[in-house]
């Protein structure tokens, strides 16, 4: 049974930082492209960042230079370090694992940036 369990969300003020974690089980972690998506109220789910099996990364333009995605193969954990958070980063953040033809999602963790 595949499980992707996110944690680390919360309420922060603009300019502050958060680190999201995603604990993966039931998949061969090192063979999956891992990613973070987010969905704000009334908006479509969008890709925030992804990291390939080889460690290459890609970011949405809106988070470049502020967010860092990483993966720890030994513990099957995906991270998203989010710095200099803005109110427009407010969303539910989802962990995603992809190894075609399969794709799996976590349940999401809420991030709210507000003063």
PDB file of N, CA and C in Angstrom:
ATOM      1  N   UNK A   1       0.843  -1.188   0.000  1.00  0.00           N
ATOM      2  CA  UNK A   1       0.000   0.000   0.000  1.00  0.00           C
ATOM      3  C   UNK A   1       0.885   1.247   0.000  1.00  0.00           C
ATOM      4  N   UNK A   2       0.633   2.108  -0.972  1.00  0.00           N
ATOM      5  CA  UNK A   2       1.423   3.324  -1.101  1.00  0.00           C
ATOM      6  C   UNK A   2       0.898   4.383  -0.142  1.00  0.00           C
ATOM      7  N   UNK A   3       1.815   5.009   0.567  1.00  0.00           N
ATOM      8  CA  UNK A   3       1.455   6.133   1.429  1.00  0.00           C
ATOM      9  C   UNK A   3       2.460   7.256   1.240  1.00  0.00           C
ATOM     10  N   UNK A   4       1.925   8.453   1.044  1.00  0.00           N
ATOM     11  CA  UNK A   4       2.722   9.671   1.033  1.00  0.00           C
ATOM     12  C   UNK A   4       2.132  10.572   2.105  1.00  0.00           C
ATOM     13  N   UNK A   5       2.891  10.839   3.149  1.00  0.00           N
ATOM     14  CA  UNK A   5       2.373  11.564   4.300  1.00  0.00           C
ATOM     15  C   UNK A   5       3.145  12.864   4.465  1.00  0.00           C
ATOM     16  N   UNK A   6       2.437  13.973   4.211  1.00  0.00           N
ATOM     17  CA  UNK A   6       3.056  15.296   4.331  1.00  0.00           C
ATOM     18  C   UNK A   6       2.955  15.810   5.754  1.00  0.00           C
ATOM     19  N   UNK A   7       3.903  16.646   6.121  1.00  0.00           N
ATOM     20  CA  UNK A   7       3.874  17.320   7.410  1.00  0.00           C
ATOM     21  C   UNK A   7       4.671  18.615   7.293  1.00  0.00           C
ATOM     22  N   UNK A   8       4.509  19.481   8.296  1.00  0.00           N
ATOM     23  CA  UNK A   8       5.290  20.701   8.332  1.00  0.00           C
ATOM     24  C   UNK A   8       4.557  21.972   7.967  1.00  0.00           C
ATOM     25  N   UNK A   9       3.315  21.845   7.538  1.00  0.00           N
ATOM     26  CA  UNK A   9       2.555  23.039   7.199  1.00  0.00           C
ATOM     27  C   UNK A   9       2.174  23.831   8.442  1.00  0.00           C
ATOM     28  N   UNK A  10       1.630  25.019   8.208  1.00  0.00           N
ATOM     29  CA  UNK A  10       1.205  25.842   9.327  1.00  0.00           C
ATOM     30  C   UNK A  10       0.937  27.274   8.922  1.00  0.00           C
ATOM     31  N   UNK A  11       0.780  28.113   9.928  1.00  0.00           N
ATOM     32  CA  UNK A  11       0.522  29.542   9.733  1.00  0.00           C
ATOM     33  C   UNK A  11       1.800  30.311  10.048  1.00  0.00           C
ATOM     34  N   UNK A  12       2.260  31.088   9.091  1.00  0.00           N
ATOM     35  CA  UNK A  12       3.454  31.901   9.285  1.00  0.00           C
ATOM     36  C   UNK A  12       3.201  33.308   8.755  1.00  0.00           C
ATOM     37  N   UNK A  13       4.072  34.228   9.148  1.00  0.00           N
ATOM     38  CA  UNK A  13       3.977  35.595   8.665  1.00  0.00           C
ATOM     39  C   UNK A  13       4.801  35.747   7.391  1.00  0.00           C
ATOM     40  N   UNK A  14       4.478  36.732   6.573  1.00  0.00           N
ATOM     41  CA  UNK A  14       5.283  36.987   5.370  1.00  0.00           C
ATOM     42  C   UNK A  14       6.754  37.160   5.730  1.00  0.00           C
ATOM     43  N   UNK A  15       7.602  36.559   4.898  1.00  0.00           N
ATOM     44  CA  UNK A  15       9.036  36.631   5.120  1.00  0.00           C
ATOM     45  C   UNK A  15       9.613  35.488   5.927  1.00  0.00           C
ATOM     46  N   UNK A  16       8.751  34.733   6.571  1.00  0.00           N
ATOM     47  CA  UNK A  16       9.223  33.612   7.381  1.00  0.00           C
ATOM     48  C   UNK A  16       9.432  32.363   6.533  1.00  0.00           C
ATOM     49  N   UNK A  17       9.899  31.298   7.193  1.00  0.00           N
ATOM     50  CA  UNK A  17      10.230  30.058   6.501  1.00  0.00           C
ATOM     51  C   UNK A  17       9.442  28.882   7.068  1.00  0.00           C
ATOM     52  N   UNK A  18       9.297  27.855   6.245  1.00  0.00           N
ATOM     53  CA  UNK A  18       8.736  26.570   6.646  1.00  0.00           C
ATOM     54  C   UNK A  18       9.468  25.481   5.878  1.00  0.00           C
ATOM     55  N   UNK A  19       9.529  24.291   6.475  1.00  0.00           N
ATOM     56  CA  UNK A  19      10.033  23.131   5.755  1.00  0.00           C
ATOM     57  C   UNK A  19       8.971  22.036   5.774  1.00  0.00           C
ATOM     58  N   UNK A  20       8.553  21.654   4.585  1.00  0.00           N
ATOM     59  CA  UNK A  20       7.606  20.559   4.440  1.00  0.00           C
ATOM     60  C   UNK A  20       8.364  19.245   4.273  1.00  0.00           C
ATOM     61  N   UNK A  21       7.770  18.185   4.796  1.00  0.00           N
ATOM     62  CA  UNK A  21       8.327  16.838   4.636  1.00  0.00           C
ATOM     63  C   UNK A  21       7.268  15.916   4.064  1.00  0.00           C
ATOM     64  N   UNK A  22       7.710  14.916   3.347  1.00  0.00           N
ATOM     65  CA  UNK A  22       6.816  13.897   2.804  1.00  0.00           C
ATOM     66  C   UNK A  22       7.476  12.545   3.023  1.00  0.00           C
ATOM     67  N   UNK A  23       6.882  11.743   3.880  1.00  0.00           N
ATOM     68  CA  UNK A  23       7.392  10.406   4.149  1.00  0.00           C
ATOM     69  C   UNK A  23       6.709   9.414   3.214  1.00  0.00           C
ATOM     70  N   UNK A  24       7.508   8.713   2.422  1.00  0.00           N
ATOM     71  CA  UNK A  24       6.968   7.787   1.424  1.00  0.00           C
ATOM     72  C   UNK A  24       7.163   6.339   1.853  1.00  0.00           C
ATOM     73  N   UNK A  25       6.156   5.540   1.598  1.00  0.00           N
ATOM     74  CA  UNK A  25       6.252   4.102   1.837  1.00  0.00           C
ATOM     75  C   UNK A  25       5.441   3.378   0.777  1.00  0.00           C
ATOM     76  N   UNK A  26       5.798   2.127   0.540  1.00  0.00           N
ATOM     77  CA  UNK A  26       5.069   1.331  -0.438  1.00  0.00           C
ATOM     78  C   UNK A  26       5.511   1.559  -1.875  1.00  0.00           C
ATOM     79  N   UNK A  27       6.531   2.391  -2.075  1.00  0.00           N
ATOM     80  CA  UNK A  27       7.082   2.616  -3.413  1.00  0.00           C
ATOM     81  C   UNK A  27       8.599   2.434  -3.347  1.00  0.00           C
ATOM     82  N   UNK A  28       9.194   2.203  -4.508  1.00  0.00           N
ATOM     83  CA  UNK A  28      10.651   2.203  -4.577  1.00  0.00           C
ATOM     84  C   UNK A  28      11.054   3.657  -4.770  1.00  0.00           C
ATOM     85  N   UNK A  29      11.318   4.310  -3.673  1.00  0.00           N
ATOM     86  CA  UNK A  29      11.476   5.768  -3.639  1.00  0.00           C
ATOM     87  C   UNK A  29      12.492   6.246  -4.670  1.00  0.00           C
ATOM     88  N   UNK A  30      13.630   5.554  -4.760  1.00  0.00           N
ATOM     89  CA  UNK A  30      14.713   6.047  -5.611  1.00  0.00           C
ATOM     90  C   UNK A  30      14.361   5.974  -7.093  1.00  0.00           C
ATOM     91  N   UNK A  31      13.326   5.242  -7.454  1.00  0.00           N
ATOM     92  CA  UNK A  31      12.930   5.105  -8.859  1.00  0.00           C
ATOM     93  C   UNK A  31      11.815   6.065  -9.258  1.00  0.00           C
ATOM     94  N   UNK A  32      11.341   6.873  -8.311  1.00  0.00           N
ATOM     95  CA  UNK A  32      10.237   7.785  -8.577  1.00  0.00           C
ATOM     96  C   UNK A  32      10.715   9.219  -8.720  1.00  0.00           C
ATOM     97  N   UNK A  33      10.174   9.913  -9.707  1.00  0.00           N
ATOM     98  CA  UNK A  33      10.300  11.366  -9.742  1.00  0.00           C
ATOM     99  C   UNK A  33       9.371  11.907  -8.662  1.00  0.00           C
ATOM    100  N   UNK A  34       9.899  12.753  -7.801  1.00  0.00           N
ATOM    101  CA  UNK A  34       9.124  13.298  -6.692  1.00  0.00           C
ATOM    102  C   UNK A  34       8.861  14.780  -6.924  1.00  0.00           C
ATOM    103  N   UNK A  35       7.723  15.240  -6.448  1.00  0.00           N
ATOM    104  CA  UNK A  35       7.365  16.633  -6.692  1.00  0.00           C
ATOM    105  C   UNK A  35       6.463  17.166  -5.603  1.00  0.00           C
ATOM    106  N   UNK A  36       6.424  18.474  -5.514  1.00  0.00           N
ATOM    107  CA  UNK A  36       5.460  19.195  -4.682  1.00  0.00           C
ATOM    108  C   UNK A  36       4.542  19.994  -5.608  1.00  0.00           C
ATOM    109  N   UNK A  37       3.260  19.878  -5.362  1.00  0.00           N
ATOM    110  CA  UNK A  37       2.247  20.674  -6.019  1.00  0.00           C
ATOM    111  C   UNK A  37       1.531  21.490  -4.944  1.00  0.00           C
ATOM    112  N   UNK A  38       0.800  22.502  -5.387  1.00  0.00           N
ATOM    113  CA  UNK A  38      -0.041  23.246  -4.456  1.00  0.00           C
ATOM    114  C   UNK A  38      -1.330  23.657  -5.132  1.00  0.00           C
ATOM    115  N   UNK A  39      -2.333  23.857  -4.304  1.00  0.00           N
ATOM    116  CA  UNK A  39      -3.638  24.304  -4.799  1.00  0.00           C
ATOM    117  C   UNK A  39      -4.203  25.338  -3.849  1.00  0.00           C
ATOM    118  N   UNK A  40      -4.388  26.528  -4.376  1.00  0.00           N
ATOM    119  CA  UNK A  40      -4.995  27.616  -3.615  1.00  0.00           C
ATOM    120  C   UNK A  40      -6.500  27.606  -3.844  1.00  0.00           C
ATOM    121  N   UNK A  41      -7.270  28.183  -2.921  1.00  0.00           N
ATOM    122  CA  UNK A  41      -8.727  28.201  -3.090  1.00  0.00           C
ATOM    123  C   UNK A  41      -9.134  28.820  -4.418  1.00  0.00           C
ATOM    124  N   UNK A  42      -9.980  28.120  -5.148  1.00  0.00           N
ATOM    125  CA  UNK A  42     -10.480  28.638  -6.412  1.00  0.00           C
ATOM    126  C   UNK A  42      -9.526  28.545  -7.569  1.00  0.00           C
ATOM    127  N   UNK A  43      -8.371  27.910  -7.358  1.00  0.00           N
ATOM    128  CA  UNK A  43      -7.369  27.810  -8.417  1.00  0.00           C
ATOM    129  C   UNK A  43      -7.054  26.348  -8.709  1.00  0.00           C
ATOM    130  N   UNK A  44      -6.457  26.131  -9.871  1.00  0.00           N
ATOM    131  CA  UNK A  44      -6.049  24.779 -10.235  1.00  0.00           C
ATOM    132  C   UNK A  44      -4.774  24.383  -9.485  1.00  0.00           C
ATOM    133  N   UNK A  45      -4.622  23.082  -9.325  1.00  0.00           N
ATOM    134  CA  UNK A  45      -3.401  22.573  -8.723  1.00  0.00           C
ATOM    135  C   UNK A  45      -2.230  22.862  -9.668  1.00  0.00           C
ATOM    136  N   UNK A  46      -1.115  23.329  -9.102  1.00  0.00           N
ATOM    137  CA  UNK A  46       0.030  23.681  -9.921  1.00  0.00           C
ATOM    138  C   UNK A  46       1.298  23.045  -9.370  1.00  0.00           C
ATOM    139  N   UNK A  47       2.227  22.788 -10.288  1.00  0.00           N
ATOM    140  CA  UNK A  47       3.516  22.239  -9.905  1.00  0.00           C
ATOM    141  C   UNK A  47       4.357  23.328  -9.258  1.00  0.00           C
ATOM    142  N   UNK A  48       4.921  23.011  -8.097  1.00  0.00           N
ATOM    143  CA  UNK A  48       5.802  23.946  -7.404  1.00  0.00           C
ATOM    144  C   UNK A  48       7.260  23.606  -7.691  1.00  0.00           C
ATOM    145  N   UNK A  49       7.601  22.325  -7.512  1.00  0.00           N
ATOM    146  CA  UNK A  49       8.990  21.897  -7.707  1.00  0.00           C
ATOM    147  C   UNK A  49       9.016  20.399  -7.901  1.00  0.00           C
ATOM    148  N   UNK A  50      10.012  19.919  -8.662  1.00  0.00           N
ATOM    149  CA  UNK A  50      10.184  18.484  -8.803  1.00  0.00           C
ATOM    150  C   UNK A  50      11.663  18.139  -8.753  1.00  0.00           C
ATOM    151  N   UNK A  51      11.924  16.891  -8.409  1.00  0.00           N
ATOM    152  CA  UNK A  51      13.292  16.396  -8.357  1.00  0.00           C
ATOM    153  C   UNK A  51      13.303  15.014  -8.983  1.00  0.00           C
ATOM    154  N   UNK A  52      14.219  14.821  -9.917  1.00  0.00           N
ATOM    155  CA  UNK A  52      14.271  13.553 -10.641  1.00  0.00           C
ATOM    156  C   UNK A  52      15.003  12.492  -9.821  1.00  0.00           C
ATOM    157  N   UNK A  53      15.019  11.287 -10.364  1.00  0.00           N
ATOM    158  CA  UNK A  53      15.726  10.206  -9.689  1.00  0.00           C
ATOM    159  C   UNK A  53      17.221  10.496  -9.596  1.00  0.00           C
ATOM    160  N   UNK A  54      17.723  11.296 -10.515  1.00  0.00           N
ATOM    161  CA  UNK A  54      19.142  11.643 -10.499  1.00  0.00           C
ATOM    162  C   UNK A  54      19.479  12.885  -9.710  1.00  0.00           C
ATOM    163  N   UNK A  55      18.444  13.536  -9.175  1.00  0.00           N
ATOM    164  CA  UNK A  55      18.675  14.714  -8.351  1.00  0.00           C
ATOM    165  C   UNK A  55      18.534  16.043  -9.061  1.00  0.00           C
ATOM    166  N   UNK A  56      18.194  16.023 -10.346  1.00  0.00           N
ATOM    167  CA  UNK A  56      17.952  17.293 -11.045  1.00  0.00           C
ATOM    168  C   UNK A  56      16.647  17.899 -10.548  1.00  0.00           C
ATOM    169  N   UNK A  57      16.624  19.236 -10.511  1.00  0.00           N
ATOM    170  CA  UNK A  57      15.456  19.926  -9.971  1.00  0.00           C
ATOM    171  C   UNK A  57      14.875  20.910 -10.967  1.00  0.00           C
ATOM    172  N   UNK A  58      13.602  21.217 -10.773  1.00  0.00           N
ATOM    173  CA  UNK A  58      12.916  22.193 -11.594  1.00  0.00           C
ATOM    174  C   UNK A  58      11.907  22.909 -10.710  1.00  0.00           C
ATOM    175  N   UNK A  59      11.762  24.232 -10.918  1.00  0.00           N
ATOM    176  CA  UNK A  59      10.906  25.040 -10.062  1.00  0.00           C
ATOM    177  C   UNK A  59       9.958  25.902 -10.878  1.00  0.00           C
ATOM    178  N   UNK A  60       8.803  26.163 -10.303  1.00  0.00           N
ATOM    179  CA  UNK A  60       7.919  27.170 -10.873  1.00  0.00           C
ATOM    180  C   UNK A  60       8.603  28.530 -10.768  1.00  0.00           C
ATOM    181  N   UNK A  61       8.369  29.379 -11.738  1.00  0.00           N
ATOM    182  CA  UNK A  61       9.009  30.694 -11.737  1.00  0.00           C
ATOM    183  C   UNK A  61       8.697  31.471 -10.457  1.00  0.00           C
ATOM    184  N   UNK A  62       7.501  31.274  -9.925  1.00  0.00           N
ATOM    185  CA  UNK A  62       7.059  32.050  -8.765  1.00  0.00           C
ATOM    186  C   UNK A  62       7.820  31.698  -7.482  1.00  0.00           C
ATOM    187  N   UNK A  63       8.515  30.569  -7.468  1.00  0.00           N
ATOM    188  CA  UNK A  63       9.212  30.159  -6.239  1.00  0.00           C
ATOM    189  C   UNK A  63      10.726  30.054  -6.420  1.00  0.00           C
ATOM    190  N   UNK A  64      11.210  30.259  -7.634  1.00  0.00           N
ATOM    191  CA  UNK A  64      12.652  30.170  -7.874  1.00  0.00           C
ATOM    192  C   UNK A  64      13.411  31.126  -6.977  1.00  0.00           C
ATOM    193  N   UNK A  65      14.480  30.606  -6.380  1.00  0.00           N
ATOM    194  CA  UNK A  65      15.298  31.429  -5.500  1.00  0.00           C
ATOM    195  C   UNK A  65      14.793  31.491  -4.069  1.00  0.00           C
ATOM    196  N   UNK A  66      13.583  30.987  -3.821  1.00  0.00           N
ATOM    197  CA  UNK A  66      13.019  30.997  -2.464  1.00  0.00           C
ATOM    198  C   UNK A  66      12.795  29.589  -1.906  1.00  0.00           C
ATOM    199  N   UNK A  67      12.441  28.665  -2.782  1.00  0.00           N
ATOM    200  CA  UNK A  67      12.131  27.294  -2.364  1.00  0.00           C
ATOM    201  C   UNK A  67      13.236  26.348  -2.836  1.00  0.00           C
ATOM    202  N   UNK A  68      13.473  25.305  -2.043  1.00  0.00           N
ATOM    203  CA  UNK A  68      14.438  24.271  -2.409  1.00  0.00           C
ATOM    204  C   UNK A  68      13.837  22.895  -2.154  1.00  0.00           C
ATOM    205  N   UNK A  69      13.807  22.077  -3.195  1.00  0.00           N
ATOM    206  CA  UNK A  69      13.332  20.705  -3.062  1.00  0.00           C
ATOM    207  C   UNK A  69      14.538  19.790  -2.894  1.00  0.00           C
ATOM    208  N   UNK A  70      14.369  18.765  -2.051  1.00  0.00           N
ATOM    209  CA  UNK A  70      15.443  17.793  -1.863  1.00  0.00           C
ATOM    210  C   UNK A  70      14.831  16.446  -1.498  1.00  0.00           C
ATOM    211  N   UNK A  71      15.648  15.397  -1.654  1.00  0.00           N
ATOM    212  CA  UNK A  71      15.168  14.062  -1.324  1.00  0.00           C
ATOM    213  C   UNK A  71      16.260  13.326  -0.572  1.00  0.00           C
ATOM    214  N   UNK A  72      15.841  12.540   0.398  1.00  0.00           N
ATOM    215  CA  UNK A  72      16.760  11.758   1.209  1.00  0.00           C
ATOM    216  C   UNK A  72      16.443  10.287   0.973  1.00  0.00           C
ATOM    217  N   UNK A  73      17.284   9.649   0.159  1.00  0.00           N
ATOM    218  CA  UNK A  73      16.996   8.283  -0.258  1.00  0.00           C
ATOM    219  C   UNK A  73      17.008   7.306   0.926  1.00  0.00           C
ATOM    220  N   UNK A  74      17.872   7.574   1.896  1.00  0.00           N
ATOM    221  CA  UNK A  74      18.026   6.623   3.007  1.00  0.00           C
ATOM    222  C   UNK A  74      16.753   6.509   3.842  1.00  0.00           C
ATOM    223  N   UNK A  75      15.997   7.612   3.914  1.00  0.00           N
ATOM    224  CA  UNK A  75      14.794   7.613   4.750  1.00  0.00           C
ATOM    225  C   UNK A  75      13.510   7.715   3.932  1.00  0.00           C
ATOM    226  N   UNK A  76      13.634   7.666   2.595  1.00  0.00           N
ATOM    227  CA  UNK A  76      12.450   7.786   1.717  1.00  0.00           C
ATOM    228  C   UNK A  76      11.645   9.043   2.030  1.00  0.00           C
ATOM    229  N   UNK A  77      12.349  10.152   2.161  1.00  0.00           N
ATOM    230  CA  UNK A  77      11.690  11.397   2.533  1.00  0.00           C
ATOM    231  C   UNK A  77      11.982  12.489   1.515  1.00  0.00           C
ATOM    232  N   UNK A  78      10.945  13.228   1.182  1.00  0.00           N
ATOM    233  CA  UNK A  78      11.021  14.378   0.295  1.00  0.00           C
ATOM    234  C   UNK A  78      10.833  15.643   1.132  1.00  0.00           C
ATOM    235  N   UNK A  79      11.591  16.681   0.795  1.00  0.00           N
ATOM    236  CA  UNK A  79      11.505  17.936   1.534  1.00  0.00           C
ATOM    237  C   UNK A  79      11.226  19.105   0.604  1.00  0.00           C
ATOM    238  N   UNK A  80      10.648  20.153   1.177  1.00  0.00           N
ATOM    239  CA  UNK A  80      10.533  21.426   0.487  1.00  0.00           C
ATOM    240  C   UNK A  80      10.846  22.520   1.507  1.00  0.00           C
ATOM    241  N   UNK A  81      11.999  23.129   1.351  1.00  0.00           N
ATOM    242  CA  UNK A  81      12.369  24.260   2.185  1.00  0.00           C
ATOM    243  C   UNK A  81      11.816  25.522   1.537  1.00  0.00           C
ATOM    244  N   UNK A  82      10.996  26.238   2.275  1.00  0.00           N
ATOM    245  CA  UNK A  82      10.341  27.427   1.745  1.00  0.00           C
ATOM    246  C   UNK A  82      10.794  28.645   2.545  1.00  0.00           C
ATOM    247  N   UNK A  83      11.502  29.539   1.884  1.00  0.00           N
ATOM    248  CA  UNK A  83      11.994  30.751   2.530  1.00  0.00           C
ATOM    249  C   UNK A  83      11.303  31.980   1.947  1.00  0.00           C
ATOM    250  N   UNK A  84      11.362  33.060   2.692  1.00  0.00           N
ATOM    251  CA  UNK A  84      10.788  34.350   2.252  1.00  0.00           C
ATOM    252  C   UNK A  84       9.361  34.143   1.748  1.00  0.00           C
ATOM    253  N   UNK A  85       8.559  33.500   2.560  1.00  0.00           N
ATOM    254  CA  UNK A  85       7.190  33.179   2.158  1.00  0.00           C
ATOM    255  C   UNK A  85       6.360  34.427   1.952  1.00  0.00           C
ATOM    256  N   UNK A  86       5.446  34.344   0.988  1.00  0.00           N
ATOM    257  CA  UNK A  86       4.562  35.442   0.617  1.00  0.00           C
ATOM    258  C   UNK A  86       3.111  35.008   0.810  1.00  0.00           C
ATOM    259  N   UNK A  87       2.202  35.953   0.973  1.00  0.00           N
ATOM    260  CA  UNK A  87       0.780  35.591   1.099  1.00  0.00           C
ATOM    261  C   UNK A  87       0.286  34.755  -0.092  1.00  0.00           C
ATOM    262  N   UNK A  88       0.819  35.004  -1.270  1.00  0.00           N
ATOM    263  CA  UNK A  88       0.383  34.243  -2.446  1.00  0.00           C
ATOM    264  C   UNK A  88       0.891  32.795  -2.450  1.00  0.00           C
ATOM    265  N   UNK A  89       1.733  32.433  -1.482  1.00  0.00           N
ATOM    266  CA  UNK A  89       2.141  31.035  -1.329  1.00  0.00           C
ATOM    267  C   UNK A  89       1.109  30.227  -0.539  1.00  0.00           C
ATOM    268  N   UNK A  90       0.106  30.893  -0.012  1.00  0.00           N
ATOM    269  CA  UNK A  90      -0.939  30.213   0.748  1.00  0.00           C
ATOM    270  C   UNK A  90      -1.659  29.202  -0.125  1.00  0.00           C
ATOM    271  N   UNK A  91      -1.677  27.949   0.326  1.00  0.00           N
ATOM    272  CA  UNK A  91      -2.279  26.864  -0.452  1.00  0.00           C
ATOM    273  C   UNK A  91      -2.176  25.572   0.350  1.00  0.00           C
ATOM    274  N   UNK A  92      -2.856  24.548  -0.165  1.00  0.00           N
ATOM    275  CA  UNK A  92      -2.606  23.190   0.311  1.00  0.00           C
ATOM    276  C   UNK A  92      -1.479  22.618  -0.549  1.00  0.00           C
ATOM    277  N   UNK A  93      -0.468  22.098   0.085  1.00  0.00           N
ATOM    278  CA  UNK A  93       0.693  21.547  -0.614  1.00  0.00           C
ATOM    279  C   UNK A  93       0.620  20.023  -0.610  1.00  0.00           C
ATOM    280  N   UNK A  94       0.819  19.454  -1.793  1.00  0.00           N
ATOM    281  CA  UNK A  94       0.690  18.007  -1.977  1.00  0.00           C
ATOM    282  C   UNK A  94       2.014  17.406  -2.431  1.00  0.00           C
ATOM    283  N   UNK A  95       2.332  16.267  -1.871  1.00  0.00           N
ATOM    284  CA  UNK A  95       3.471  15.476  -2.302  1.00  0.00           C
ATOM    285  C   UNK A  95       3.017  14.550  -3.433  1.00  0.00           C
ATOM    286  N   UNK A  96       3.876  14.346  -4.409  1.00  0.00           N
ATOM    287  CA  UNK A  96       3.547  13.528  -5.575  1.00  0.00           C
ATOM    288  C   UNK A  96       4.725  12.619  -5.906  1.00  0.00           C
ATOM    289  N   UNK A  97       4.391  11.364  -6.231  1.00  0.00           N
ATOM    290  CA  UNK A  97       5.403  10.401  -6.673  1.00  0.00           C
ATOM    291  C   UNK A  97       4.972   9.854  -8.021  1.00  0.00           C
ATOM    292  N   UNK A  98       5.902   9.846  -8.968  1.00  0.00           N
ATOM    293  CA  UNK A  98       5.562   9.405 -10.316  1.00  0.00           C
ATOM    294  C   UNK A  98       6.599   8.442 -10.853  1.00  0.00           C
ATOM    295  N   UNK A  99       6.099   7.321 -11.313  1.00  0.00           N
ATOM    296  CA  UNK A  99       6.904   6.336 -12.042  1.00  0.00           C
ATOM    297  C   UNK A  99       5.957   5.740 -13.071  1.00  0.00           C
ATOM    298  N   UNK A 100       5.964   6.305 -14.296  1.00  0.00           N
ATOM    299  CA  UNK A 100       4.968   5.915 -15.287  1.00  0.00           C
ATOM    300  C   UNK A 100       4.813   4.408 -15.415  1.00  0.00           C
ATOM    301  N   UNK A 101       3.566   3.912 -15.476  1.00  0.00           N
ATOM    302  CA  UNK A 101       2.318   4.666 -15.620  1.00  0.00           C
ATOM    303  C   UNK A 101       1.666   5.074 -14.297  1.00  0.00           C
ATOM    304  N   UNK A 102       2.383   4.929 -13.187  1.00  0.00           N
ATOM    305  CA  UNK A 102       1.763   5.166 -11.881  1.00  0.00           C
ATOM    306  C   UNK A 102       2.071   6.557 -11.353  1.00  0.00           C
ATOM    307  N   UNK A 103       1.100   7.116 -10.634  1.00  0.00           N
ATOM    308  CA  UNK A 103       1.278   8.387  -9.963  1.00  0.00           C
ATOM    309  C   UNK A 103       0.497   8.346  -8.662  1.00  0.00           C
ATOM    310  N   UNK A 104       1.116   8.848  -7.592  1.00  0.00           N
ATOM    311  CA  UNK A 104       0.487   8.809  -6.284  1.00  0.00           C
ATOM    312  C   UNK A 104       0.525  10.189  -5.637  1.00  0.00           C
ATOM    313  N   UNK A 105      -0.474  10.443  -4.790  1.00  0.00           N
ATOM    314  CA  UNK A 105      -0.603  11.735  -4.112  1.00  0.00           C
ATOM    315  C   UNK A 105      -0.709  11.543  -2.615  1.00  0.00           C
ATOM    316  N   UNK A 106      -0.192  12.525  -1.874  1.00  0.00           N
ATOM    317  CA  UNK A 106      -0.446  12.596  -0.455  1.00  0.00           C
ATOM    318  C   UNK A 106      -1.765  13.301  -0.189  1.00  0.00           C
ATOM    319  N   UNK A 107      -2.070  13.450   1.093  1.00  0.00           N
ATOM    320  CA  UNK A 107      -3.360  14.040   1.464  1.00  0.00           C
ATOM    321  C   UNK A 107      -3.293  15.562   1.537  1.00  0.00           C
ATOM    322  N   UNK A 108      -2.088  16.110   1.536  1.00  0.00           N
ATOM    323  CA  UNK A 108      -1.916  17.559   1.545  1.00  0.00           C
ATOM    324  C   UNK A 108      -1.688  18.129   2.932  1.00  0.00           C
ATOM    325  N   UNK A 109      -0.981  19.252   2.958  1.00  0.00           N
ATOM    326  CA  UNK A 109      -0.758  19.979   4.198  1.00  0.00           C
ATOM    327  C   UNK A 109      -0.975  21.471   3.928  1.00  0.00           C
ATOM    328  N   UNK A 110      -1.672  22.131   4.820  1.00  0.00           N
ATOM    329  CA  UNK A 110      -2.039  23.535   4.617  1.00  0.00           C
ATOM    330  C   UNK A 110      -0.884  24.453   5.001  1.00  0.00           C
ATOM    331  N   UNK A 111      -0.585  25.379   4.113  1.00  0.00           N
ATOM    332  CA  UNK A 111       0.370  26.450   4.387  1.00  0.00           C
ATOM    333  C   UNK A 111      -0.374  27.772   4.256  1.00  0.00           C
ATOM    334  N   UNK A 112      -0.355  28.562   5.309  1.00  0.00           N
ATOM    335  CA  UNK A 112      -1.020  29.866   5.301  1.00  0.00           C
ATOM    336  C   UNK A 112      -0.003  30.931   5.666  1.00  0.00           C
ATOM    337  N   UNK A 113       0.120  31.915   4.786  1.00  0.00           N
ATOM    338  CA  UNK A 113       1.055  33.020   5.010  1.00  0.00           C
ATOM    339  C   UNK A 113       0.222  34.286   5.175  1.00  0.00           C
ATOM    340  N   UNK A 114       0.232  34.824   6.379  1.00  0.00           N
ATOM    341  CA  UNK A 114      -0.628  35.964   6.673  1.00  0.00           C
ATOM    342  C   UNK A 114      -0.067  36.733   7.855  1.00  0.00           C
ATOM    343  N   UNK A 115      -0.234  38.047   7.788  1.00  0.00           N
ATOM    344  CA  UNK A 115       0.176  38.891   8.911  1.00  0.00           C
ATOM    345  C   UNK A 115      -0.996  39.127   9.861  1.00  0.00           C
TER     346      UNK A 115
END
